Structure formats: C-alpha cells, structure tokens
Amino acid sequence: MTHPNEDRTGIDDLQRVSGEVANRLESLGIALSGSESAEDLARILEAVERFERAVETRGGDLMVDEGPGGETREPDDMHFALPLRRADESVGRYLERLSLARDNVLLHPPKP
C-alpha cells in the first residue's frame, strides 16, 4: 500500500516536470493554453525534438532557425524554422503539422 505522502510526491514531481516542459516549449514560441495534459506536453516536446534532430541532420543551425520566443527573424532556411502552434489549434493537429514539417525537412537537401 502506498503512503499518502508518496502519492503527493509523485503528483508534485509530475507538476514540476510538466512546468519545466511547458517553459521550454513557451521559450520556443509554442503557444500553450494551460489545459494541456502532462502527456500532451510530453508529446509536443518529443515532436519538437524530432523536428530539431531532422534540422540538424540537414545542416541547419537551431540557434539561427529557432530564435528566442519563437521569433526567427532571419532563418538560414525557412524549411528549418520550427512551426508554431496557432492559438486555436488542437494538440493533435499541431503534432500532425510538426510531423509533416519534419518530413519536409528530411526531404530538403543537406547544406554543404
């Protein structure tokens, strides 16, 4: 049997990690409504990381292509700019767009 304090610790840890993930996503300019579940946040972060790995495999520079707060003033290639989530966009739809953007990046010729 679990102790009530152990349950509370698990909830606190989940909230802390969810907050850290939300902060990371928001720092990239990804809009969050606050109603996303911990699982939603994890799925978005995983999709963003897959997109970033694809950009890196094609020679993109994340420091240039992902500006602070999601404001990329001059990406070295528009294909490498992280798609931002629209305010009214569901998590599922955003994940679909991120996946499509990742696929497009992988089709893009590598930078010399």
N, C-alpha and C. Protein backbone atom coordinates (compact mmCIF):
# COMPACT_ATOMS: atom_id res chain seq x y z
N MET A 1 0.84 -1.18 0.00
CA MET A 1 0.00 0.00 0.00
C MET A 1 0.89 1.24 0.00
N THR A 2 0.53 2.23 -0.82
CA THR A 2 1.31 3.46 -0.86
C THR A 2 0.87 4.41 0.24
N HIS A 3 1.79 5.18 0.66
CA HIS A 3 1.56 6.16 1.71
C HIS A 3 1.07 7.46 1.05
N PRO A 4 0.12 8.18 1.69
CA PRO A 4 -0.40 9.41 1.08
C PRO A 4 0.69 10.41 0.71
N ASN A 5 1.76 10.49 1.49
CA ASN A 5 2.85 11.42 1.16
C ASN A 5 3.57 11.00 -0.11
N GLU A 6 3.68 9.67 -0.36
CA GLU A 6 4.30 9.18 -1.58
C GLU A 6 3.47 9.57 -2.79
N ASP A 7 2.14 9.47 -2.67
CA ASP A 7 1.26 9.89 -3.76
C ASP A 7 1.43 11.38 -4.04
N ARG A 8 1.50 12.18 -3.01
CA ARG A 8 1.65 13.63 -3.16
C ARG A 8 2.99 13.98 -3.80
N THR A 9 4.03 13.26 -3.42
CA THR A 9 5.36 13.49 -4.01
C THR A 9 5.33 13.21 -5.50
N GLY A 10 4.67 12.14 -5.91
CA GLY A 10 4.55 11.81 -7.33
C GLY A 10 3.81 12.88 -8.10
N ILE A 11 2.74 13.40 -7.50
CA ILE A 11 1.97 14.47 -8.14
C ILE A 11 2.82 15.73 -8.24
N ASP A 12 3.53 16.06 -7.18
CA ASP A 12 4.40 17.24 -7.18
C ASP A 12 5.48 17.12 -8.26
N ASP A 13 6.08 15.93 -8.37
CA ASP A 13 7.12 15.71 -9.38
C ASP A 13 6.55 15.87 -10.79
N LEU A 14 5.37 15.32 -11.02
CA LEU A 14 4.74 15.44 -12.34
C LEU A 14 4.44 16.90 -12.66
N GLN A 15 3.95 17.65 -11.69
CA GLN A 15 3.66 19.06 -11.91
C GLN A 15 4.94 19.85 -12.17
N ARG A 16 5.99 19.53 -11.44
CA ARG A 16 7.27 20.22 -11.63
C ARG A 16 7.82 19.97 -13.03
N VAL A 17 7.83 18.72 -13.44
CA VAL A 17 8.36 18.37 -14.75
C VAL A 17 7.47 18.96 -15.86
N SER A 18 6.17 18.91 -15.67
CA SER A 18 5.25 19.50 -16.66
C SER A 18 5.51 20.99 -16.79
N GLY A 19 5.76 21.66 -15.67
CA GLY A 19 6.07 23.09 -15.70
C GLY A 19 7.35 23.37 -16.45
N GLU A 20 8.36 22.54 -16.24
CA GLU A 20 9.64 22.70 -16.95
C GLU A 20 9.46 22.51 -18.45
N VAL A 21 8.69 21.50 -18.84
CA VAL A 21 8.44 21.24 -20.25
C VAL A 21 7.65 22.40 -20.86
N ALA A 22 6.63 22.87 -20.17
CA ALA A 22 5.83 23.99 -20.66
C ALA A 22 6.72 25.22 -20.84
N ASN A 23 7.60 25.48 -19.90
CA ASN A 23 8.51 26.63 -20.02
C ASN A 23 9.41 26.50 -21.24
N ARG A 24 9.92 25.30 -21.46
CA ARG A 24 10.80 25.08 -22.64
C ARG A 24 10.02 25.33 -23.92
N LEU A 25 8.80 24.78 -24.00
CA LEU A 25 8.00 24.96 -25.22
C LEU A 25 7.66 26.43 -25.43
N GLU A 26 7.27 27.11 -24.36
CA GLU A 26 6.93 28.53 -24.48
C GLU A 26 8.14 29.36 -24.86
N SER A 27 9.33 28.96 -24.41
CA SER A 27 10.55 29.70 -24.78
C SER A 27 10.84 29.57 -26.27
N LEU A 28 10.32 28.52 -26.88
CA LEU A 28 10.46 28.33 -28.32
C LEU A 28 9.34 29.03 -29.10
N GLY A 29 8.41 29.66 -28.36
CA GLY A 29 7.32 30.38 -29.01
C GLY A 29 6.09 29.54 -29.25
N ILE A 30 6.04 28.35 -28.67
CA ILE A 30 4.90 27.46 -28.88
C ILE A 30 3.79 27.85 -27.91
N ALA A 31 2.64 28.21 -28.45
CA ALA A 31 1.51 28.64 -27.63
C ALA A 31 0.92 27.46 -26.87
N LEU A 32 0.70 27.68 -25.58
CA LEU A 32 0.05 26.68 -24.74
C LEU A 32 -1.16 27.34 -24.09
N SER A 33 -2.24 26.59 -24.00
CA SER A 33 -3.47 27.13 -23.42
C SER A 33 -3.50 26.95 -21.90
N GLY A 34 -2.69 26.05 -21.39
CA GLY A 34 -2.72 25.73 -19.97
C GLY A 34 -3.60 24.53 -19.67
N SER A 35 -4.36 24.09 -20.67
CA SER A 35 -5.22 22.93 -20.47
C SER A 35 -4.59 21.63 -20.98
N GLU A 36 -3.35 21.73 -21.50
CA GLU A 36 -2.68 20.54 -21.99
C GLU A 36 -2.32 19.63 -20.81
N SER A 37 -2.50 18.34 -21.03
CA SER A 37 -2.12 17.37 -20.00
C SER A 37 -0.61 17.18 -20.02
N ALA A 38 -0.10 16.52 -18.99
CA ALA A 38 1.32 16.19 -18.94
C ALA A 38 1.70 15.35 -20.16
N GLU A 39 0.80 14.45 -20.55
CA GLU A 39 1.07 13.62 -21.74
C GLU A 39 1.11 14.48 -23.00
N ASP A 40 0.19 15.45 -23.12
CA ASP A 40 0.20 16.35 -24.28
C ASP A 40 1.53 17.10 -24.36
N LEU A 41 1.97 17.64 -23.23
CA LEU A 41 3.23 18.38 -23.21
C LEU A 41 4.40 17.50 -23.62
N ALA A 42 4.42 16.28 -23.12
CA ALA A 42 5.50 15.34 -23.47
C ALA A 42 5.46 15.02 -24.96
N ARG A 43 4.28 14.82 -25.51
CA ARG A 43 4.16 14.51 -26.94
C ARG A 43 4.62 15.68 -27.80
N ILE A 44 4.27 16.89 -27.39
CA ILE A 44 4.71 18.07 -28.15
C ILE A 44 6.23 18.19 -28.08
N LEU A 45 6.80 18.06 -26.88
CA LEU A 45 8.25 18.16 -26.74
C LEU A 45 8.96 17.10 -27.58
N GLU A 46 8.48 15.88 -27.56
CA GLU A 46 9.09 14.81 -28.36
C GLU A 46 9.04 15.16 -29.85
N ALA A 47 7.91 15.69 -30.32
CA ALA A 47 7.77 16.06 -31.73
C ALA A 47 8.71 17.21 -32.08
N VAL A 48 8.84 18.18 -31.19
CA VAL A 48 9.77 19.30 -31.41
C VAL A 48 11.20 18.76 -31.49
N GLU A 49 11.56 17.87 -30.59
CA GLU A 49 12.91 17.32 -30.60
C GLU A 49 13.18 16.51 -31.87
N ARG A 50 12.18 15.77 -32.36
CA ARG A 50 12.35 15.05 -33.63
C ARG A 50 12.56 16.04 -34.78
N PHE A 51 11.79 17.13 -34.78
CA PHE A 51 11.95 18.16 -35.81
C PHE A 51 13.36 18.75 -35.73
N GLU A 52 13.81 19.08 -34.52
CA GLU A 52 15.14 19.67 -34.35
C GLU A 52 16.25 18.72 -34.82
N ARG A 53 16.10 17.44 -34.53
CA ARG A 53 17.11 16.47 -34.99
C ARG A 53 17.13 16.41 -36.51
N ALA A 54 15.97 16.49 -37.14
CA ALA A 54 15.90 16.48 -38.60
C ALA A 54 16.62 17.71 -39.16
N VAL A 55 16.39 18.87 -38.55
CA VAL A 55 17.06 20.10 -39.00
C VAL A 55 18.58 19.93 -38.89
N GLU A 56 19.03 19.40 -37.77
CA GLU A 56 20.46 19.22 -37.57
C GLU A 56 21.06 18.25 -38.59
N THR A 57 20.31 17.20 -38.97
CA THR A 57 20.84 16.25 -39.96
C THR A 57 20.99 16.88 -41.33
N ARG A 58 20.27 17.98 -41.56
CA ARG A 58 20.35 18.67 -42.85
C ARG A 58 21.26 19.90 -42.79
N GLY A 59 21.97 20.05 -41.68
CA GLY A 59 22.94 21.13 -41.58
C GLY A 59 22.37 22.43 -41.06
N GLY A 60 21.15 22.40 -40.55
CA GLY A 60 20.55 23.61 -40.01
C GLY A 60 21.15 23.97 -38.67
N ASP A 61 21.10 25.25 -38.34
CA ASP A 61 21.63 25.77 -37.09
C ASP A 61 20.44 26.20 -36.23
N LEU A 62 20.15 25.45 -35.17
CA LEU A 62 18.98 25.75 -34.34
C LEU A 62 19.08 27.12 -33.68
N MET A 63 20.28 27.59 -33.41
CA MET A 63 20.42 28.92 -32.80
C MET A 63 19.96 30.01 -33.76
N VAL A 64 20.06 29.77 -35.05
CA VAL A 64 19.63 30.73 -36.06
C VAL A 64 18.17 30.49 -36.43
N ASP A 65 17.80 29.24 -36.58
CA ASP A 65 16.48 28.89 -37.08
C ASP A 65 15.39 28.93 -36.01
N GLU A 66 15.76 28.88 -34.74
CA GLU A 66 14.79 28.97 -33.65
C GLU A 66 15.20 30.13 -32.76
N GLY A 67 14.70 31.30 -33.09
CA GLY A 67 15.04 32.48 -32.32
C GLY A 67 14.35 32.48 -30.96
N PRO A 68 14.74 33.41 -30.10
CA PRO A 68 14.12 33.50 -28.77
C PRO A 68 12.63 33.79 -28.87
N GLY A 69 11.86 33.10 -28.06
CA GLY A 69 10.41 33.30 -28.07
C GLY A 69 9.75 32.91 -29.36
N GLY A 70 10.44 32.09 -30.16
CA GLY A 70 9.86 31.65 -31.43
C GLY A 70 9.94 32.68 -32.54
N GLU A 71 10.62 33.80 -32.28
CA GLU A 71 10.75 34.84 -33.30
C GLU A 71 12.03 34.63 -34.07
N THR A 72 11.90 34.03 -35.23
CA THR A 72 13.04 33.78 -36.08
C THR A 72 13.05 34.87 -37.14
N ARG A 73 13.93 35.83 -36.97
CA ARG A 73 13.95 36.97 -37.87
C ARG A 73 14.55 36.62 -39.23
N GLU A 74 15.65 35.87 -39.21
CA GLU A 74 16.32 35.53 -40.46
C GLU A 74 16.82 34.09 -40.41
N PRO A 75 15.92 33.12 -40.56
CA PRO A 75 16.42 31.74 -40.57
C PRO A 75 17.30 31.53 -41.80
N ASP A 76 18.30 30.67 -41.67
CA ASP A 76 19.15 30.43 -42.83
C ASP A 76 18.40 29.64 -43.89
N ASP A 77 17.31 29.01 -43.52
CA ASP A 77 16.45 28.31 -44.46
C ASP A 77 15.06 28.22 -43.84
N MET A 78 14.05 28.71 -44.53
CA MET A 78 12.69 28.71 -43.98
C MET A 78 12.19 27.31 -43.65
N HIS A 79 12.70 26.30 -44.36
CA HIS A 79 12.30 24.92 -44.07
C HIS A 79 12.70 24.51 -42.65
N PHE A 80 13.72 25.19 -42.12
CA PHE A 80 14.27 24.81 -40.82
C PHE A 80 13.64 25.56 -39.66
N ALA A 81 12.74 26.49 -39.93
CA ALA A 81 12.08 27.24 -38.86
C ALA A 81 11.00 26.36 -38.22
N LEU A 82 11.01 26.30 -36.91
CA LEU A 82 10.04 25.50 -36.17
C LEU A 82 8.63 26.04 -36.39
N PRO A 83 7.70 25.21 -36.86
CA PRO A 83 6.32 25.66 -36.99
C PRO A 83 5.73 25.97 -35.61
N LEU A 84 5.09 27.11 -35.50
CA LEU A 84 4.49 27.49 -34.23
C LEU A 84 3.04 27.04 -34.18
N ARG A 85 2.57 26.84 -32.99
CA ARG A 85 1.19 26.39 -32.77
C ARG A 85 0.26 27.61 -32.76
N ARG A 86 -0.81 27.50 -33.51
CA ARG A 86 -1.81 28.56 -33.53
C ARG A 86 -2.62 28.50 -32.24
N ALA A 87 -3.13 29.64 -31.81
CA ALA A 87 -3.84 29.73 -30.53
C ALA A 87 -5.04 28.79 -30.46
N ASP A 88 -5.71 28.58 -31.59
CA ASP A 88 -6.91 27.74 -31.60
C ASP A 88 -6.64 26.31 -32.07
N GLU A 89 -5.37 25.95 -32.20
CA GLU A 89 -5.01 24.65 -32.77
C GLU A 89 -4.95 23.57 -31.69
N SER A 90 -5.57 22.43 -31.97
CA SER A 90 -5.54 21.32 -31.02
C SER A 90 -4.14 20.72 -30.98
N VAL A 91 -3.86 20.02 -29.91
CA VAL A 91 -2.57 19.34 -29.77
C VAL A 91 -2.38 18.36 -30.92
N GLY A 92 -3.41 17.58 -31.21
CA GLY A 92 -3.32 16.59 -32.28
C GLY A 92 -3.00 17.20 -33.63
N ARG A 93 -3.66 18.30 -33.95
CA ARG A 93 -3.43 18.96 -35.24
C ARG A 93 -2.02 19.54 -35.29
N TYR A 94 -1.57 20.13 -34.19
CA TYR A 94 -0.21 20.67 -34.16
C TYR A 94 0.82 19.56 -34.33
N LEU A 95 0.60 18.43 -33.69
CA LEU A 95 1.52 17.30 -33.84
C LEU A 95 1.58 16.82 -35.29
N GLU A 96 0.43 16.83 -35.96
CA GLU A 96 0.40 16.46 -37.39
C GLU A 96 1.23 17.44 -38.21
N ARG A 97 1.07 18.74 -37.94
CA ARG A 97 1.85 19.75 -38.70
C ARG A 97 3.34 19.62 -38.42
N LEU A 98 3.70 19.37 -37.15
CA LEU A 98 5.11 19.18 -36.83
C LEU A 98 5.69 17.97 -37.55
N SER A 99 4.94 16.91 -37.61
CA SER A 99 5.39 15.69 -38.29
C SER A 99 5.58 15.95 -39.79
N LEU A 100 4.65 16.65 -40.39
CA LEU A 100 4.75 16.99 -41.81
C LEU A 100 5.96 17.90 -42.05
N ALA A 101 6.17 18.88 -41.17
CA ALA A 101 7.32 19.77 -41.31
C ALA A 101 8.62 18.99 -41.19
N ARG A 102 8.66 18.04 -40.26
CA ARG A 102 9.85 17.19 -40.11
C ARG A 102 10.11 16.40 -41.38
N ASP A 103 9.05 15.81 -41.93
CA ASP A 103 9.19 15.05 -43.18
C ASP A 103 9.73 15.94 -44.29
N ASN A 104 9.24 17.18 -44.38
CA ASN A 104 9.70 18.11 -45.41
C ASN A 104 11.16 18.47 -45.21
N VAL A 105 11.57 18.64 -43.95
CA VAL A 105 12.99 18.93 -43.67
C VAL A 105 13.86 17.77 -44.16
N LEU A 106 13.42 16.54 -43.89
CA LEU A 106 14.22 15.38 -44.29
C LEU A 106 14.31 15.21 -45.80
N LEU A 107 13.35 15.79 -46.53
CA LEU A 107 13.39 15.76 -47.99
C LEU A 107 14.28 16.87 -48.54
N HIS A 108 14.58 17.85 -47.73
CA HIS A 108 15.37 19.01 -48.14
C HIS A 108 16.84 18.59 -48.29
N PRO A 109 17.50 19.06 -49.33
CA PRO A 109 18.91 18.69 -49.49
C PRO A 109 19.77 19.22 -48.34
N PRO A 110 20.74 18.43 -47.91
CA PRO A 110 21.61 18.89 -46.83
C PRO A 110 22.41 20.13 -47.24
N LYS A 111 22.67 20.98 -46.25
CA LYS A 111 23.51 22.15 -46.50
C LYS A 111 24.95 21.69 -46.60
N PRO A 112 25.72 22.31 -47.49
CA PRO A 112 27.14 21.92 -47.62
C PRO A 112 27.95 22.28 -46.40
